[in-house]
Amino acid sequence: MCRRKVRWIQAALLSTAALFIYIGMTRGEAVTVLTKAVNICLECIGIG
């Protein structure tokens, strides 16, 4: 593949990822993910 095409694909994927991260943050998904991660962590060490 030509270098220009690879750069375009990389830029498109990066901007799409940034868009999805922004959408998730505005919907409050970061708090949900953090809460689930804490619960899983506490279950693994036997507290939760």
N, C-alpha and C. Protein backbone atom coordinates (compact mmCIF):
# COMPACT_ATOMS: atom_id res chain seq x y z
N MET A 1 0.84 -1.18 0.00
CA MET A 1 0.00 0.00 0.00
C MET A 1 0.88 1.23 0.00
N CYS A 2 0.36 2.24 -0.60
CA CYS A 2 1.14 3.47 -0.63
C CYS A 2 1.08 4.16 0.73
N ARG A 3 2.12 4.88 1.04
CA ARG A 3 2.27 5.51 2.36
C ARG A 3 1.15 6.51 2.63
N ARG A 4 0.69 7.20 1.61
CA ARG A 4 -0.38 8.20 1.78
C ARG A 4 -1.68 7.51 2.20
N LYS A 5 -1.96 6.36 1.60
CA LYS A 5 -3.18 5.64 1.94
C LYS A 5 -3.13 5.11 3.37
N VAL A 6 -1.97 4.63 3.79
CA VAL A 6 -1.81 4.13 5.15
C VAL A 6 -2.02 5.27 6.14
N ARG A 7 -1.44 6.43 5.87
CA ARG A 7 -1.62 7.59 6.76
C ARG A 7 -3.08 8.01 6.84
N TRP A 8 -3.79 7.95 5.72
CA TRP A 8 -5.20 8.34 5.71
C TRP A 8 -6.01 7.37 6.55
N ILE A 9 -5.72 6.08 6.42
CA ILE A 9 -6.44 5.07 7.21
C ILE A 9 -6.15 5.26 8.69
N GLN A 10 -4.90 5.51 9.05
CA GLN A 10 -4.55 5.74 10.45
C GLN A 10 -5.27 6.96 11.01
N ALA A 11 -5.32 8.03 10.24
CA ALA A 11 -6.00 9.25 10.69
C ALA A 11 -7.50 9.01 10.85
N ALA A 12 -8.08 8.25 9.94
CA ALA A 12 -9.51 7.96 10.02
C ALA A 12 -9.82 7.11 11.25
N LEU A 13 -9.00 6.11 11.52
CA LEU A 13 -9.22 5.26 12.69
C LEU A 13 -9.00 6.03 13.99
N LEU A 14 -8.01 6.89 14.03
CA LEU A 14 -7.75 7.69 15.22
C LEU A 14 -8.90 8.65 15.50
N SER A 15 -9.40 9.31 14.47
CA SER A 15 -10.51 10.24 14.68
C SER A 15 -11.79 9.51 15.06
N THR A 16 -12.01 8.32 14.51
CA THR A 16 -13.18 7.53 14.89
C THR A 16 -13.09 7.10 16.34
N ALA A 17 -11.91 6.67 16.77
CA ALA A 17 -11.72 6.26 18.16
C ALA A 17 -11.95 7.44 19.10
N ALA A 18 -11.42 8.61 18.74
CA ALA A 18 -11.60 9.81 19.57
C ALA A 18 -13.08 10.18 19.66
N LEU A 19 -13.81 10.04 18.56
CA LEU A 19 -15.24 10.34 18.55
C LEU A 19 -16.00 9.40 19.49
N PHE A 20 -15.68 8.11 19.43
CA PHE A 20 -16.37 7.15 20.30
C PHE A 20 -16.02 7.38 21.77
N ILE A 21 -14.79 7.74 22.05
CA ILE A 21 -14.41 8.05 23.44
C ILE A 21 -15.19 9.27 23.92
N TYR A 22 -15.30 10.28 23.09
CA TYR A 22 -16.05 11.49 23.46
C TYR A 22 -17.52 11.17 23.71
N ILE A 23 -18.12 10.37 22.84
CA ILE A 23 -19.52 10.00 23.00
C ILE A 23 -19.72 9.22 24.30
N GLY A 24 -18.82 8.29 24.58
CA GLY A 24 -18.92 7.52 25.80
C GLY A 24 -18.78 8.38 27.04
N MET A 25 -17.89 9.35 27.00
CA MET A 25 -17.70 10.23 28.16
C MET A 25 -18.92 11.12 28.38
N THR A 26 -19.54 11.60 27.33
CA THR A 26 -20.71 12.46 27.49
C THR A 26 -21.92 11.67 27.98
N ARG A 27 -21.96 10.37 27.72
CA ARG A 27 -23.07 9.54 28.19
C ARG A 27 -22.84 9.01 29.60
N GLY A 28 -21.67 9.27 30.18
CA GLY A 28 -21.38 8.81 31.53
C GLY A 28 -20.89 7.38 31.59
N GLU A 29 -20.42 6.85 30.50
CA GLU A 29 -19.97 5.46 30.45
C GLU A 29 -18.68 5.25 31.23
N ALA A 30 -17.87 6.28 31.40
CA ALA A 30 -16.62 6.12 32.13
C ALA A 30 -16.89 5.74 33.59
N VAL A 31 -17.91 6.33 34.18
CA VAL A 31 -18.27 6.02 35.56
C VAL A 31 -18.76 4.58 35.65
N THR A 32 -19.53 4.14 34.68
CA THR A 32 -20.04 2.77 34.67
C THR A 32 -18.90 1.77 34.57
N VAL A 33 -17.97 2.04 33.69
CA VAL A 33 -16.84 1.13 33.50
C VAL A 33 -15.99 1.09 34.76
N LEU A 34 -15.74 2.23 35.37
CA LEU A 34 -14.94 2.28 36.59
C LEU A 34 -15.64 1.51 37.72
N THR A 35 -16.94 1.68 37.86
CA THR A 35 -17.69 0.98 38.89
C THR A 35 -17.60 -0.54 38.70
N LYS A 36 -17.77 -0.99 37.47
CA LYS A 36 -17.69 -2.42 37.20
C LYS A 36 -16.28 -2.95 37.45
N ALA A 37 -15.26 -2.17 37.10
CA ALA A 37 -13.88 -2.60 37.32
C ALA A 37 -13.58 -2.72 38.81
N VAL A 38 -14.07 -1.79 39.60
CA VAL A 38 -13.86 -1.85 41.04
C VAL A 38 -14.55 -3.07 41.62
N ASN A 39 -15.77 -3.33 41.20
CA ASN A 39 -16.50 -4.50 41.70
C ASN A 39 -15.79 -5.80 41.35
N ILE A 40 -15.30 -5.91 40.13
CA ILE A 40 -14.57 -7.12 39.72
C ILE A 40 -13.29 -7.27 40.54
N CYS A 41 -12.59 -6.16 40.75
CA CYS A 41 -11.35 -6.19 41.53
C CYS A 41 -11.63 -6.64 42.97
N LEU A 42 -12.67 -6.11 43.56
CA LEU A 42 -13.00 -6.47 44.94
C LEU A 42 -13.43 -7.93 45.04
N GLU A 43 -14.11 -8.44 44.03
CA GLU A 43 -14.49 -9.85 44.03
C GLU A 43 -13.27 -10.75 43.90
N CYS A 44 -12.29 -10.32 43.13
CA CYS A 44 -11.09 -11.15 42.94
C CYS A 44 -10.29 -11.30 44.22
N ILE A 45 -10.24 -10.25 45.04
CA ILE A 45 -9.47 -10.35 46.28
C ILE A 45 -10.32 -10.82 47.44
N GLY A 46 -11.61 -11.07 47.19
CA GLY A 46 -12.46 -11.68 48.18
C GLY A 46 -13.15 -10.73 49.13
N ILE A 47 -13.22 -9.44 48.82
CA ILE A 47 -13.87 -8.49 49.71
C ILE A 47 -15.35 -8.32 49.32
N GLY A 48 -15.62 -8.26 48.02
CA GLY A 48 -16.96 -7.93 47.55
C GLY A 48 -17.89 -9.06 47.39
